[in-house]
Amino acid sequence: MKSKLSFLVSIITAISVSSCVDPAQQGKGAGGGLGPLIFLPLMILVFWLFFIRPQAKRQKNQKSFVDNLQRGDKVVTIAGIHGTINKINEDGTIMLEISPGSYVKMEKSSISMEMTSQLNKGVTAEKK
């Protein structure tokens, strides 16, 4: 991933540098060429590929994860609270049992997909 990014940055830099005009030849009709015209769309493409698209993918996965939560799932919240889902309410909240008999009402969106998958990966490793 990092090598692809450095490769694209070097290509973009080469294109932008090649389009620079020598000040001695500036009055002789030497133009900028297509470098500046290619540079902007290429930069937009790089930002979309490395920043916007992966973030949209993560948001989509988080939303599907939150929509598929069920009673009895062991989860971790964004704040780091570990618990088990006791009840899923109609208003987009859940009752999280953090210790036997202790319940906390939380928003479904506060459940962390990454930390929960790490928690559940550790549980499956212990069972083997």
N, C-alpha and C. Protein backbone atom coordinates (compact mmCIF):
# COMPACT_ATOMS: atom_id res chain seq x y z
N MET A 1 0.83 -1.19 0.00
CA MET A 1 0.00 0.00 0.00
C MET A 1 0.87 1.24 0.00
N LYS A 2 1.91 1.23 0.86
CA LYS A 2 2.77 2.39 0.96
C LYS A 2 3.61 2.54 -0.30
N SER A 3 4.03 1.41 -0.89
CA SER A 3 4.84 1.49 -2.10
C SER A 3 4.02 2.02 -3.27
N LYS A 4 2.73 1.67 -3.34
CA LYS A 4 1.86 2.20 -4.38
C LYS A 4 1.71 3.70 -4.23
N LEU A 5 1.55 4.14 -3.00
CA LEU A 5 1.39 5.56 -2.75
C LEU A 5 2.65 6.32 -3.12
N SER A 6 3.80 5.81 -2.74
CA SER A 6 5.05 6.50 -3.07
C SER A 6 5.29 6.49 -4.58
N PHE A 7 4.90 5.43 -5.26
CA PHE A 7 5.03 5.37 -6.71
C PHE A 7 4.16 6.42 -7.37
N LEU A 8 2.90 6.53 -6.94
CA LEU A 8 2.00 7.53 -7.51
C LEU A 8 2.47 8.95 -7.21
N VAL A 9 3.00 9.18 -6.03
CA VAL A 9 3.50 10.51 -5.69
C VAL A 9 4.69 10.86 -6.57
N SER A 10 5.57 9.89 -6.83
CA SER A 10 6.72 10.17 -7.68
C SER A 10 6.29 10.46 -9.12
N ILE A 11 5.27 9.76 -9.61
CA ILE A 11 4.76 10.03 -10.96
C ILE A 11 4.16 11.42 -11.02
N ILE A 12 3.37 11.77 -10.02
CA ILE A 12 2.74 13.09 -9.99
C ILE A 12 3.79 14.18 -9.92
N THR A 13 4.81 13.97 -9.12
CA THR A 13 5.89 14.95 -9.01
C THR A 13 6.62 15.09 -10.34
N ALA A 14 6.89 13.99 -11.02
CA ALA A 14 7.58 14.05 -12.30
C ALA A 14 6.76 14.81 -13.34
N ILE A 15 5.45 14.57 -13.35
CA ILE A 15 4.59 15.28 -14.28
C ILE A 15 4.57 16.77 -13.98
N SER A 16 4.45 17.11 -12.71
CA SER A 16 4.38 18.53 -12.37
C SER A 16 5.70 19.24 -12.61
N VAL A 17 6.84 18.56 -12.37
CA VAL A 17 8.14 19.18 -12.60
C VAL A 17 8.41 19.32 -14.09
N SER A 18 7.98 18.34 -14.88
CA SER A 18 8.23 18.42 -16.32
C SER A 18 7.43 19.53 -16.98
N SER A 19 6.37 19.97 -16.32
CA SER A 19 5.56 21.03 -16.91
C SER A 19 6.06 22.42 -16.54
N CYS A 20 7.09 22.49 -15.70
CA CYS A 20 7.65 23.79 -15.33
C CYS A 20 8.34 24.41 -16.54
N VAL A 21 8.29 25.72 -16.64
CA VAL A 21 8.87 26.44 -17.76
C VAL A 21 10.17 27.08 -17.32
N ASP A 22 11.18 26.95 -18.14
CA ASP A 22 12.46 27.60 -17.89
C ASP A 22 12.27 29.10 -18.07
N PRO A 23 12.66 29.93 -17.09
CA PRO A 23 12.44 31.37 -17.20
C PRO A 23 13.13 31.98 -18.41
N ALA A 24 14.21 31.39 -18.88
CA ALA A 24 14.92 31.93 -20.04
C ALA A 24 14.11 31.75 -21.32
N GLN A 25 13.28 30.70 -21.36
CA GLN A 25 12.50 30.43 -22.56
C GLN A 25 11.05 30.85 -22.42
N GLN A 26 10.72 31.54 -21.39
CA GLN A 26 9.33 31.89 -21.13
C GLN A 26 8.78 32.82 -22.22
N GLY A 27 9.55 33.75 -22.67
CA GLY A 27 9.08 34.68 -23.69
C GLY A 27 9.09 34.10 -25.09
N LYS A 28 9.66 32.93 -25.30
CA LYS A 28 9.81 32.34 -26.63
C LYS A 28 8.64 31.43 -27.00
N GLY A 29 7.59 31.48 -26.25
CA GLY A 29 6.40 30.70 -26.59
C GLY A 29 6.37 29.30 -25.99
N ALA A 30 7.27 29.00 -25.10
CA ALA A 30 7.24 27.69 -24.46
C ALA A 30 6.08 27.65 -23.48
N GLY A 31 5.16 26.72 -23.66
CA GLY A 31 3.97 26.66 -22.81
C GLY A 31 4.12 25.62 -21.73
N GLY A 32 3.13 25.55 -20.89
CA GLY A 32 3.13 24.61 -19.78
C GLY A 32 2.82 23.20 -20.21
N GLY A 33 2.19 23.03 -21.35
CA GLY A 33 1.86 21.69 -21.82
C GLY A 33 0.64 21.14 -21.10
N LEU A 34 0.55 19.83 -21.07
CA LEU A 34 -0.60 19.17 -20.46
C LEU A 34 -0.38 18.81 -19.00
N GLY A 35 0.81 19.08 -18.48
CA GLY A 35 1.13 18.72 -17.10
C GLY A 35 0.14 19.24 -16.08
N PRO A 36 -0.12 20.56 -16.08
CA PRO A 36 -1.07 21.08 -15.09
C PRO A 36 -2.50 20.56 -15.28
N LEU A 37 -2.85 20.25 -16.53
CA LEU A 37 -4.20 19.73 -16.79
C LEU A 37 -4.35 18.29 -16.30
N ILE A 38 -3.27 17.55 -16.32
CA ILE A 38 -3.31 16.16 -15.87
C ILE A 38 -3.12 16.08 -14.35
N PHE A 39 -2.40 17.01 -13.81
CA PHE A 39 -2.03 16.97 -12.38
C PHE A 39 -3.26 16.99 -11.46
N LEU A 40 -4.20 17.89 -11.68
CA LEU A 40 -5.36 18.03 -10.79
C LEU A 40 -6.25 16.78 -10.80
N PRO A 41 -6.67 16.26 -11.97
CA PRO A 41 -7.48 15.04 -11.92
C PRO A 41 -6.75 13.85 -11.33
N LEU A 42 -5.43 13.79 -11.56
CA LEU A 42 -4.64 12.71 -10.99
C LEU A 42 -4.60 12.80 -9.47
N MET A 43 -4.46 14.00 -8.94
CA MET A 43 -4.49 14.18 -7.48
C MET A 43 -5.86 13.82 -6.90
N ILE A 44 -6.92 14.21 -7.59
CA ILE A 44 -8.27 13.86 -7.13
C ILE A 44 -8.43 12.34 -7.12
N LEU A 45 -7.93 11.67 -8.13
CA LEU A 45 -8.01 10.21 -8.19
C LEU A 45 -7.25 9.57 -7.04
N VAL A 46 -6.06 10.07 -6.74
CA VAL A 46 -5.26 9.53 -5.64
C VAL A 46 -5.98 9.71 -4.32
N PHE A 47 -6.54 10.90 -4.07
CA PHE A 47 -7.27 11.13 -2.82
C PHE A 47 -8.48 10.21 -2.73
N TRP A 48 -9.18 10.02 -3.83
CA TRP A 48 -10.37 9.16 -3.80
C TRP A 48 -9.96 7.72 -3.52
N LEU A 49 -8.88 7.23 -4.17
CA LEU A 49 -8.48 5.84 -3.99
C LEU A 49 -7.96 5.55 -2.59
N PHE A 50 -7.21 6.48 -2.01
CA PHE A 50 -6.55 6.18 -0.74
C PHE A 50 -7.25 6.73 0.49
N PHE A 51 -8.16 7.68 0.34
CA PHE A 51 -8.78 8.29 1.52
C PHE A 51 -10.30 8.14 1.52
N ILE A 52 -10.96 8.54 0.46
CA ILE A 52 -12.43 8.59 0.46
C ILE A 52 -13.03 7.20 0.34
N ARG A 53 -12.56 6.39 -0.61
CA ARG A 53 -13.14 5.07 -0.84
C ARG A 53 -12.98 4.13 0.37
N PRO A 54 -11.79 4.03 0.99
CA PRO A 54 -11.68 3.14 2.16
C PRO A 54 -12.54 3.60 3.34
N GLN A 55 -12.66 4.92 3.54
CA GLN A 55 -13.50 5.42 4.63
C GLN A 55 -14.96 5.08 4.39
N ALA A 56 -15.43 5.22 3.15
CA ALA A 56 -16.82 4.88 2.83
C ALA A 56 -17.07 3.38 3.03
N LYS A 57 -16.06 2.57 2.69
CA LYS A 57 -16.18 1.12 2.88
C LYS A 57 -16.29 0.77 4.37
N ARG A 58 -15.44 1.43 5.21
CA ARG A 58 -15.50 1.20 6.66
C ARG A 58 -16.86 1.61 7.23
N GLN A 59 -17.39 2.75 6.78
CA GLN A 59 -18.68 3.20 7.27
C GLN A 59 -19.79 2.22 6.89
N LYS A 60 -19.73 1.69 5.69
CA LYS A 60 -20.73 0.72 5.24
C LYS A 60 -20.66 -0.56 6.07
N ASN A 61 -19.44 -1.03 6.34
CA ASN A 61 -19.27 -2.24 7.16
C ASN A 61 -19.74 -2.00 8.60
N GLN A 62 -19.46 -0.82 9.17
CA GLN A 62 -19.90 -0.49 10.53
C GLN A 62 -21.42 -0.47 10.60
N LYS A 63 -22.08 0.11 9.58
CA LYS A 63 -23.54 0.19 9.58
C LYS A 63 -24.16 -1.21 9.50
N SER A 64 -23.62 -2.06 8.64
CA SER A 64 -24.18 -3.41 8.55
C SER A 64 -23.92 -4.20 9.83
N PHE A 65 -22.76 -3.96 10.48
CA PHE A 65 -22.46 -4.62 11.75
C PHE A 65 -23.47 -4.21 12.82
N VAL A 66 -23.74 -2.92 12.92
CA VAL A 66 -24.68 -2.41 13.93
C VAL A 66 -26.09 -2.91 13.66
N ASP A 67 -26.47 -2.99 12.37
CA ASP A 67 -27.81 -3.47 12.03
C ASP A 67 -28.00 -4.95 12.35
N ASN A 68 -26.92 -5.73 12.38
CA ASN A 68 -27.01 -7.17 12.61
C ASN A 68 -26.73 -7.58 14.05
N LEU A 69 -26.68 -6.63 14.98
CA LEU A 69 -26.47 -6.98 16.38
C LEU A 69 -27.67 -7.76 16.91
N GLN A 70 -27.41 -8.76 17.77
CA GLN A 70 -28.46 -9.59 18.33
C GLN A 70 -28.27 -9.71 19.83
N ARG A 71 -29.32 -10.15 20.49
CA ARG A 71 -29.28 -10.37 21.94
C ARG A 71 -28.27 -11.47 22.23
N GLY A 72 -27.42 -11.23 23.23
CA GLY A 72 -26.42 -12.22 23.62
C GLY A 72 -25.04 -11.99 23.02
N ASP A 73 -24.93 -11.05 22.08
CA ASP A 73 -23.62 -10.76 21.48
C ASP A 73 -22.72 -10.07 22.50
N LYS A 74 -21.47 -10.51 22.55
CA LYS A 74 -20.48 -9.84 23.39
C LYS A 74 -19.87 -8.72 22.55
N VAL A 75 -19.92 -7.49 23.07
CA VAL A 75 -19.47 -6.32 22.31
C VAL A 75 -18.58 -5.43 23.16
N VAL A 76 -17.90 -4.51 22.49
CA VAL A 76 -17.10 -3.48 23.13
C VAL A 76 -17.55 -2.15 22.55
N THR A 77 -17.79 -1.18 23.42
CA THR A 77 -18.22 0.14 22.94
C THR A 77 -17.01 0.96 22.53
N ILE A 78 -17.28 2.09 21.91
CA ILE A 78 -16.21 3.00 21.50
C ILE A 78 -15.45 3.50 22.72
N ALA A 79 -16.13 3.61 23.85
CA ALA A 79 -15.50 4.06 25.09
C ALA A 79 -14.69 2.96 25.76
N GLY A 80 -14.78 1.72 25.26
CA GLY A 80 -14.00 0.63 25.82
C GLY A 80 -14.75 -0.21 26.84
N ILE A 81 -16.06 -0.04 26.95
CA ILE A 81 -16.86 -0.82 27.91
C ILE A 81 -17.20 -2.16 27.29
N HIS A 82 -16.86 -3.24 27.99
CA HIS A 82 -17.16 -4.59 27.53
C HIS A 82 -18.49 -5.01 28.14
N GLY A 83 -19.30 -5.71 27.35
CA GLY A 83 -20.56 -6.19 27.88
C GLY A 83 -21.26 -7.11 26.90
N THR A 84 -22.45 -7.55 27.32
CA THR A 84 -23.28 -8.43 26.52
C THR A 84 -24.61 -7.74 26.26
N ILE A 85 -25.08 -7.82 25.02
CA ILE A 85 -26.35 -7.18 24.69
C ILE A 85 -27.47 -7.97 25.33
N ASN A 86 -28.29 -7.28 26.14
CA ASN A 86 -29.41 -7.91 26.82
C ASN A 86 -30.72 -7.67 26.07
N LYS A 87 -30.90 -6.45 25.54
CA LYS A 87 -32.14 -6.11 24.87
C LYS A 87 -31.85 -5.07 23.81
N ILE A 88 -32.51 -5.19 22.66
CA ILE A 88 -32.41 -4.19 21.60
C ILE A 88 -33.73 -3.45 21.54
N ASN A 89 -33.70 -2.16 21.81
CA ASN A 89 -34.91 -1.34 21.86
C ASN A 89 -35.27 -0.81 20.47
N GLU A 90 -36.52 -0.40 20.33
CA GLU A 90 -37.03 0.12 19.06
C GLU A 90 -36.45 1.49 18.70
N ASP A 91 -36.01 2.25 19.68
CA ASP A 91 -35.55 3.62 19.44
C ASP A 91 -34.07 3.70 19.07
N GLY A 92 -33.45 2.60 18.68
CA GLY A 92 -32.04 2.61 18.28
C GLY A 92 -31.08 2.49 19.44
N THR A 93 -31.56 2.08 20.60
CA THR A 93 -30.69 1.90 21.75
C THR A 93 -30.65 0.42 22.13
N ILE A 94 -29.68 0.08 22.96
CA ILE A 94 -29.56 -1.29 23.46
C ILE A 94 -29.37 -1.23 24.97
N MET A 95 -29.74 -2.32 25.63
CA MET A 95 -29.43 -2.49 27.05
C MET A 95 -28.22 -3.40 27.11
N LEU A 96 -27.12 -2.86 27.60
CA LEU A 96 -25.86 -3.58 27.66
C LEU A 96 -25.61 -4.03 29.09
N GLU A 97 -25.43 -5.33 29.27
CA GLU A 97 -25.14 -5.87 30.61
C GLU A 97 -23.62 -5.88 30.78
N ILE A 98 -23.13 -5.01 31.68
CA ILE A 98 -21.69 -4.90 31.86
C ILE A 98 -21.17 -5.79 32.97
N SER A 99 -22.03 -6.15 33.91
CA SER A 99 -21.73 -7.16 34.92
C SER A 99 -23.08 -7.75 35.31
N PRO A 100 -23.10 -8.93 35.93
CA PRO A 100 -24.40 -9.55 36.23
C PRO A 100 -25.29 -8.61 37.05
N GLY A 101 -26.42 -8.25 36.46
CA GLY A 101 -27.39 -7.38 37.12
C GLY A 101 -27.18 -5.90 36.88
N SER A 102 -26.10 -5.49 36.21
CA SER A 102 -25.84 -4.08 35.91
C SER A 102 -26.06 -3.83 34.43
N TYR A 103 -27.00 -2.93 34.13
CA TYR A 103 -27.36 -2.64 32.75
C TYR A 103 -27.13 -1.17 32.45
N VAL A 104 -26.71 -0.91 31.22
CA VAL A 104 -26.50 0.45 30.75
C VAL A 104 -27.25 0.59 29.44
N LYS A 105 -28.00 1.68 29.31
CA LYS A 105 -28.70 1.95 28.05
C LYS A 105 -27.77 2.77 27.17
N MET A 106 -27.48 2.26 25.96
CA MET A 106 -26.54 2.91 25.04
C MET A 106 -27.11 2.96 23.64
N GLU A 107 -26.57 3.87 22.85
CA GLU A 107 -26.91 3.93 21.43
C GLU A 107 -26.25 2.76 20.70
N LYS A 108 -26.95 2.24 19.69
CA LYS A 108 -26.37 1.15 18.91
C LYS A 108 -25.10 1.61 18.18
N SER A 109 -25.08 2.87 17.80
CA SER A 109 -23.94 3.38 17.04
C SER A 109 -22.68 3.50 17.88
N SER A 110 -22.78 3.33 19.19
CA SER A 110 -21.59 3.43 20.04
C SER A 110 -20.84 2.10 20.16
N ILE A 111 -21.30 1.08 19.46
CA ILE A 111 -20.62 -0.22 19.48
C ILE A 111 -19.50 -0.18 18.44
N SER A 112 -18.30 -0.54 18.84
CA SER A 112 -17.14 -0.53 17.95
C SER A 112 -16.99 -1.87 17.26
N MET A 113 -16.99 -1.85 15.94
CA MET A 113 -16.85 -3.07 15.17
C MET A 113 -15.44 -3.66 15.32
N GLU A 114 -14.41 -2.81 15.27
CA GLU A 114 -13.04 -3.29 15.33
C GLU A 114 -12.72 -3.93 16.67
N MET A 115 -13.08 -3.24 17.77
CA MET A 115 -12.76 -3.77 19.09
C MET A 115 -13.59 -5.01 19.40
N THR A 116 -14.82 -5.06 18.91
CA THR A 116 -15.67 -6.23 19.13
C THR A 116 -15.12 -7.43 18.38
N SER A 117 -14.64 -7.23 17.16
CA SER A 117 -14.07 -8.35 16.41
C SER A 117 -12.80 -8.85 17.08
N GLN A 118 -12.01 -7.96 17.66
CA GLN A 118 -10.81 -8.39 18.40
C GLN A 118 -11.20 -9.21 19.63
N LEU A 119 -12.26 -8.76 20.34
CA LEU A 119 -12.74 -9.49 21.51
C LEU A 119 -13.21 -10.89 21.12
N ASN A 120 -14.01 -10.97 20.06
CA ASN A 120 -14.55 -12.25 19.66
C ASN A 120 -13.50 -13.15 19.03
N LYS A 121 -12.45 -12.57 18.43
CA LYS A 121 -11.37 -13.38 17.91
C LYS A 121 -10.61 -14.05 19.03
N GLY A 122 -10.41 -13.34 20.13
CA GLY A 122 -9.75 -13.91 21.30
C GLY A 122 -10.56 -15.03 21.94
N VAL A 123 -11.87 -14.90 21.93
CA VAL A 123 -12.74 -15.93 22.51
C VAL A 123 -12.68 -17.19 21.67
N THR A 124 -12.69 -17.06 20.34
CA THR A 124 -12.63 -18.25 19.49
C THR A 124 -11.27 -18.92 19.58
N ALA A 125 -10.21 -18.13 19.79
CA ALA A 125 -8.87 -18.71 19.93
C ALA A 125 -8.75 -19.50 21.23
N GLU A 126 -9.42 -19.05 22.28
CA GLU A 126 -9.38 -19.75 23.57
C GLU A 126 -10.16 -21.06 23.49
N LYS A 127 -11.22 -21.12 22.68
CA LYS A 127 -12.03 -22.33 22.58
C LYS A 127 -11.28 -23.44 21.85
N LYS A 128 -10.34 -23.09 20.97
CA LYS A 128 -9.60 -24.11 20.21
C LYS A 128 -8.55 -24.70 21.04
